[in-house]
Amino acid sequence: MAEKESSMGLIGFGLLVVAGIVAGFGVQFLTRTRIGLEWLIVAVAVVFGGYFASESFPGSNVFAGIKDWGPAIDGLVIIPAVIGALIIAVVADLGMRSSPEIQPA
């Protein structure tokens, strides 16, 4: 019997987009930002990191130990998605804040 391959549906991806927008606006309004569209960079990083982690970790042989961590909503595996989103968003935000080429708004 073939295993059913689960992939993220529209609801799962929509939840990632909403989480990215919320995180982006949180960074924009709760921290001291250097540019006006910093929220957008953080939001894209959250969506990318969450999608990559949710889709890659569950089917990966390298990360086989964490493939069943936590619940899944429409193919979005929550715990790997949150971990991946946080890592990528923090790296993107710190990289942007430490870049000498970015001029303050």
N, C-alpha and C. Protein backbone atom coordinates (compact mmCIF):
# COMPACT_ATOMS: atom_id res chain seq x y z
N MET A 1 0.84 -1.17 0.00
CA MET A 1 0.00 0.00 0.00
C MET A 1 0.90 1.24 0.00
N ALA A 2 0.60 2.18 -0.87
CA ALA A 2 1.39 3.41 -0.97
C ALA A 2 0.99 4.39 0.12
N GLU A 3 2.01 5.07 0.64
CA GLU A 3 1.75 6.07 1.66
C GLU A 3 1.16 7.31 1.03
N LYS A 4 0.21 7.90 1.73
CA LYS A 4 -0.39 9.14 1.26
C LYS A 4 0.57 10.29 1.54
N GLU A 5 0.89 11.04 0.52
CA GLU A 5 1.78 12.17 0.68
C GLU A 5 0.95 13.39 1.06
N SER A 6 1.29 14.00 2.17
CA SER A 6 0.54 15.19 2.59
C SER A 6 1.29 16.43 2.16
N SER A 7 0.57 17.33 1.58
CA SER A 7 1.17 18.61 1.22
C SER A 7 0.28 19.71 1.78
N MET A 8 0.85 20.86 1.91
CA MET A 8 0.14 21.97 2.53
C MET A 8 -0.98 22.46 1.63
N GLY A 9 -2.13 22.64 2.22
CA GLY A 9 -3.28 23.16 1.49
C GLY A 9 -3.37 24.67 1.59
N LEU A 10 -4.42 25.20 1.03
CA LEU A 10 -4.61 26.64 0.99
C LEU A 10 -4.84 27.23 2.39
N ILE A 11 -5.54 26.50 3.24
CA ILE A 11 -5.78 26.99 4.61
C ILE A 11 -4.47 27.05 5.39
N GLY A 12 -3.66 26.02 5.28
CA GLY A 12 -2.35 26.02 5.95
C GLY A 12 -1.47 27.15 5.47
N PHE A 13 -1.43 27.36 4.17
CA PHE A 13 -0.62 28.44 3.63
C PHE A 13 -1.18 29.80 4.04
N GLY A 14 -2.49 29.92 4.08
CA GLY A 14 -3.12 31.16 4.54
C GLY A 14 -2.76 31.47 5.98
N LEU A 15 -2.73 30.43 6.82
CA LEU A 15 -2.32 30.64 8.21
C LEU A 15 -0.88 31.12 8.30
N LEU A 16 -0.02 30.60 7.43
CA LEU A 16 1.38 31.07 7.40
C LEU A 16 1.46 32.53 6.98
N VAL A 17 0.68 32.92 5.99
CA VAL A 17 0.69 34.31 5.53
C VAL A 17 0.20 35.24 6.64
N VAL A 18 -0.88 34.84 7.33
CA VAL A 18 -1.39 35.66 8.44
C VAL A 18 -0.34 35.77 9.54
N ALA A 19 0.31 34.65 9.88
CA ALA A 19 1.36 34.68 10.90
C ALA A 19 2.52 35.57 10.47
N GLY A 20 2.88 35.54 9.19
CA GLY A 20 3.95 36.39 8.69
C GLY A 20 3.60 37.86 8.78
N ILE A 21 2.36 38.21 8.44
CA ILE A 21 1.94 39.61 8.51
C ILE A 21 1.91 40.08 9.96
N VAL A 22 1.40 39.24 10.85
CA VAL A 22 1.37 39.61 12.28
C VAL A 22 2.78 39.79 12.82
N ALA A 23 3.68 38.87 12.50
CA ALA A 23 5.07 38.99 12.96
C ALA A 23 5.73 40.22 12.36
N GLY A 24 5.48 40.47 11.09
CA GLY A 24 6.07 41.63 10.43
C GLY A 24 5.61 42.94 11.05
N PHE A 25 4.31 43.08 11.29
CA PHE A 25 3.82 44.30 11.92
C PHE A 25 4.29 44.39 13.37
N GLY A 26 4.44 43.26 14.03
CA GLY A 26 4.98 43.28 15.39
C GLY A 26 6.38 43.84 15.42
N VAL A 27 7.21 43.41 14.49
CA VAL A 27 8.58 43.93 14.41
C VAL A 27 8.56 45.41 14.04
N GLN A 28 7.68 45.77 13.11
CA GLN A 28 7.64 47.16 12.64
C GLN A 28 7.23 48.13 13.74
N PHE A 29 6.24 47.76 14.54
CA PHE A 29 5.69 48.70 15.50
C PHE A 29 6.21 48.53 16.92
N LEU A 30 6.83 47.41 17.24
CA LEU A 30 7.31 47.20 18.60
C LEU A 30 8.82 47.38 18.75
N THR A 31 9.52 47.48 17.64
CA THR A 31 10.97 47.68 17.70
C THR A 31 11.34 48.94 16.93
N ARG A 32 12.56 49.32 17.08
CA ARG A 32 13.07 50.48 16.34
C ARG A 32 13.54 49.99 14.97
N THR A 33 12.87 50.42 13.92
CA THR A 33 13.17 49.93 12.58
C THR A 33 14.05 50.92 11.83
N ARG A 34 14.77 50.40 10.85
CA ARG A 34 15.67 51.25 10.05
C ARG A 34 15.03 51.65 8.73
N ILE A 35 14.10 50.85 8.23
CA ILE A 35 13.43 51.19 6.97
C ILE A 35 11.93 51.03 7.16
N GLY A 36 11.17 51.63 6.28
CA GLY A 36 9.73 51.62 6.40
C GLY A 36 9.07 50.29 6.09
N LEU A 37 9.68 49.49 5.25
CA LEU A 37 9.08 48.22 4.85
C LEU A 37 9.74 47.02 5.51
N GLU A 38 10.29 47.21 6.67
CA GLU A 38 10.92 46.10 7.38
C GLU A 38 9.92 44.98 7.68
N TRP A 39 8.67 45.35 7.92
CA TRP A 39 7.63 44.36 8.20
C TRP A 39 7.47 43.40 7.04
N LEU A 40 7.61 43.90 5.81
CA LEU A 40 7.43 43.05 4.65
C LEU A 40 8.55 42.02 4.53
N ILE A 41 9.76 42.43 4.81
CA ILE A 41 10.90 41.51 4.76
C ILE A 41 10.74 40.41 5.81
N VAL A 42 10.32 40.79 7.01
CA VAL A 42 10.10 39.81 8.07
C VAL A 42 8.94 38.89 7.70
N ALA A 43 7.87 39.44 7.15
CA ALA A 43 6.71 38.63 6.78
C ALA A 43 7.06 37.59 5.71
N VAL A 44 7.82 38.00 4.71
CA VAL A 44 8.24 37.05 3.66
C VAL A 44 9.16 35.98 4.24
N ALA A 45 10.04 36.38 5.14
CA ALA A 45 10.95 35.41 5.77
C ALA A 45 10.17 34.41 6.62
N VAL A 46 9.16 34.86 7.34
CA VAL A 46 8.33 33.96 8.15
C VAL A 46 7.60 32.96 7.26
N VAL A 47 7.01 33.44 6.18
CA VAL A 47 6.27 32.55 5.28
C VAL A 47 7.23 31.54 4.64
N PHE A 48 8.37 32.00 4.15
CA PHE A 48 9.33 31.09 3.53
C PHE A 48 9.85 30.06 4.53
N GLY A 49 10.28 30.52 5.69
CA GLY A 49 10.82 29.61 6.69
C GLY A 49 9.80 28.61 7.19
N GLY A 50 8.59 29.07 7.43
CA GLY A 50 7.53 28.17 7.89
C GLY A 50 7.14 27.15 6.83
N TYR A 51 7.04 27.59 5.58
CA TYR A 51 6.69 26.68 4.50
C TYR A 51 7.79 25.64 4.28
N PHE A 52 9.02 26.12 4.22
CA PHE A 52 10.14 25.21 4.00
C PHE A 52 10.24 24.16 5.11
N ALA A 53 10.13 24.60 6.35
CA ALA A 53 10.27 23.68 7.47
C ALA A 53 9.10 22.69 7.51
N SER A 54 7.90 23.16 7.26
CA SER A 54 6.73 22.30 7.33
C SER A 54 6.74 21.27 6.20
N GLU A 55 7.17 21.67 5.03
CA GLU A 55 7.17 20.76 3.89
C GLU A 55 8.41 19.89 3.84
N SER A 56 9.54 20.35 4.36
CA SER A 56 10.78 19.59 4.26
C SER A 56 10.98 18.63 5.42
N PHE A 57 10.76 19.08 6.64
CA PHE A 57 11.04 18.24 7.79
C PHE A 57 10.21 16.96 7.81
N PRO A 58 8.90 17.01 7.58
CA PRO A 58 8.12 15.77 7.69
C PRO A 58 8.54 14.68 6.70
N GLY A 59 9.00 15.02 5.51
CA GLY A 59 9.36 14.01 4.53
C GLY A 59 10.85 13.75 4.43
N SER A 60 11.64 14.38 5.27
CA SER A 60 13.09 14.28 5.17
C SER A 60 13.62 13.10 5.96
N ASN A 61 14.62 12.45 5.43
CA ASN A 61 15.29 11.39 6.17
C ASN A 61 16.25 11.96 7.21
N VAL A 62 16.80 13.14 6.92
CA VAL A 62 17.74 13.77 7.85
C VAL A 62 17.02 14.18 9.14
N PHE A 63 15.81 14.71 8.99
CA PHE A 63 15.04 15.18 10.14
C PHE A 63 13.94 14.20 10.52
N ALA A 64 14.18 12.91 10.34
CA ALA A 64 13.16 11.91 10.60
C ALA A 64 12.70 11.89 12.06
N GLY A 65 13.56 12.30 12.97
CA GLY A 65 13.20 12.29 14.39
C GLY A 65 12.17 13.33 14.78
N ILE A 66 12.02 14.40 13.98
CA ILE A 66 11.06 15.43 14.35
C ILE A 66 9.90 15.53 13.38
N LYS A 67 9.72 14.52 12.55
CA LYS A 67 8.68 14.64 11.53
C LYS A 67 7.26 14.58 12.09
N ASP A 68 7.08 14.06 13.26
CA ASP A 68 5.74 13.96 13.82
C ASP A 68 5.54 14.91 14.99
N TRP A 69 6.33 15.93 15.09
CA TRP A 69 6.21 16.88 16.19
C TRP A 69 4.96 17.72 16.02
N GLY A 70 4.08 17.64 16.94
CA GLY A 70 2.94 18.54 17.01
C GLY A 70 1.85 18.28 16.00
N PRO A 71 0.81 19.07 16.13
CA PRO A 71 -0.36 18.91 15.26
C PRO A 71 -0.11 19.47 13.87
N ALA A 72 -0.99 19.09 12.96
CA ALA A 72 -0.95 19.60 11.59
C ALA A 72 -2.32 20.16 11.24
N ILE A 73 -2.32 21.29 10.57
CA ILE A 73 -3.55 21.91 10.10
C ILE A 73 -3.44 22.04 8.59
N ASP A 74 -4.24 21.28 7.88
CA ASP A 74 -4.27 21.30 6.41
C ASP A 74 -2.88 21.12 5.81
N GLY A 75 -2.12 20.21 6.37
CA GLY A 75 -0.78 19.92 5.86
C GLY A 75 0.32 20.78 6.46
N LEU A 76 -0.03 21.80 7.23
CA LEU A 76 0.95 22.66 7.89
C LEU A 76 1.30 22.02 9.23
N VAL A 77 2.51 21.49 9.34
CA VAL A 77 2.96 20.88 10.59
C VAL A 77 3.46 22.02 11.47
N ILE A 78 2.75 22.27 12.57
CA ILE A 78 2.88 23.51 13.33
C ILE A 78 4.27 23.72 13.93
N ILE A 79 4.78 22.77 14.69
CA ILE A 79 6.02 22.99 15.43
C ILE A 79 7.23 23.18 14.50
N PRO A 80 7.45 22.33 13.50
CA PRO A 80 8.56 22.63 12.57
C PRO A 80 8.38 23.95 11.83
N ALA A 81 7.13 24.30 11.50
CA ALA A 81 6.88 25.56 10.80
C ALA A 81 7.24 26.76 11.68
N VAL A 82 6.88 26.70 12.95
CA VAL A 82 7.20 27.80 13.86
C VAL A 82 8.71 27.93 14.05
N ILE A 83 9.38 26.79 14.23
CA ILE A 83 10.84 26.82 14.41
C ILE A 83 11.53 27.38 13.17
N GLY A 84 11.14 26.88 12.01
CA GLY A 84 11.74 27.37 10.76
C GLY A 84 11.46 28.83 10.50
N ALA A 85 10.22 29.26 10.79
CA ALA A 85 9.86 30.66 10.59
C ALA A 85 10.66 31.57 11.50
N LEU A 86 10.81 31.18 12.75
CA LEU A 86 11.58 32.00 13.69
C LEU A 86 13.04 32.12 13.29
N ILE A 87 13.64 31.01 12.91
CA ILE A 87 15.06 31.02 12.54
C ILE A 87 15.29 31.91 11.32
N ILE A 88 14.52 31.71 10.27
CA ILE A 88 14.71 32.49 9.04
C ILE A 88 14.38 33.97 9.26
N ALA A 89 13.31 34.26 10.01
CA ALA A 89 12.93 35.66 10.25
C ALA A 89 13.98 36.39 11.08
N VAL A 90 14.51 35.73 12.11
CA VAL A 90 15.54 36.37 12.93
C VAL A 90 16.81 36.63 12.12
N VAL A 91 17.20 35.66 11.30
CA VAL A 91 18.39 35.85 10.46
C VAL A 91 18.16 36.99 9.47
N ALA A 92 16.99 37.04 8.84
CA ALA A 92 16.70 38.11 7.88
C ALA A 92 16.67 39.47 8.56
N ASP A 93 16.04 39.55 9.73
CA ASP A 93 15.94 40.83 10.43
C ASP A 93 17.32 41.30 10.92
N LEU A 94 18.09 40.40 11.51
CA LEU A 94 19.42 40.79 11.98
C LEU A 94 20.34 41.16 10.82
N GLY A 95 20.23 40.43 9.73
CA GLY A 95 21.03 40.76 8.55
C GLY A 95 20.67 42.12 7.98
N MET A 96 19.39 42.43 7.99
CA MET A 96 18.95 43.71 7.48
C MET A 96 19.36 44.85 8.42
N ARG A 97 19.25 44.63 9.70
CA ARG A 97 19.60 45.67 10.67
C ARG A 97 21.11 45.94 10.72
N SER A 98 21.92 44.93 10.43
CA SER A 98 23.36 45.13 10.52
C SER A 98 23.98 45.54 9.18
N SER A 99 23.18 45.65 8.16
CA SER A 99 23.70 46.03 6.84
C SER A 99 24.01 47.53 6.79
N PRO A 100 25.23 47.89 6.41
CA PRO A 100 25.58 49.32 6.37
C PRO A 100 24.95 50.04 5.18
N GLU A 101 24.48 49.31 4.17
CA GLU A 101 23.90 49.92 2.98
C GLU A 101 22.48 50.44 3.20
N ILE A 102 21.80 49.96 4.24
CA ILE A 102 20.41 50.36 4.47
C ILE A 102 20.40 51.71 5.19
N GLN A 103 19.72 52.66 4.57
CA GLN A 103 19.63 53.99 5.14
C GLN A 103 18.36 54.08 6.00
N PRO A 104 18.42 54.77 7.12
CA PRO A 104 17.23 54.94 7.95
C PRO A 104 16.11 55.66 7.21
N ALA A 105 14.89 55.33 7.56
CA ALA A 105 13.73 55.95 6.91
C ALA A 105 13.55 57.37 7.40
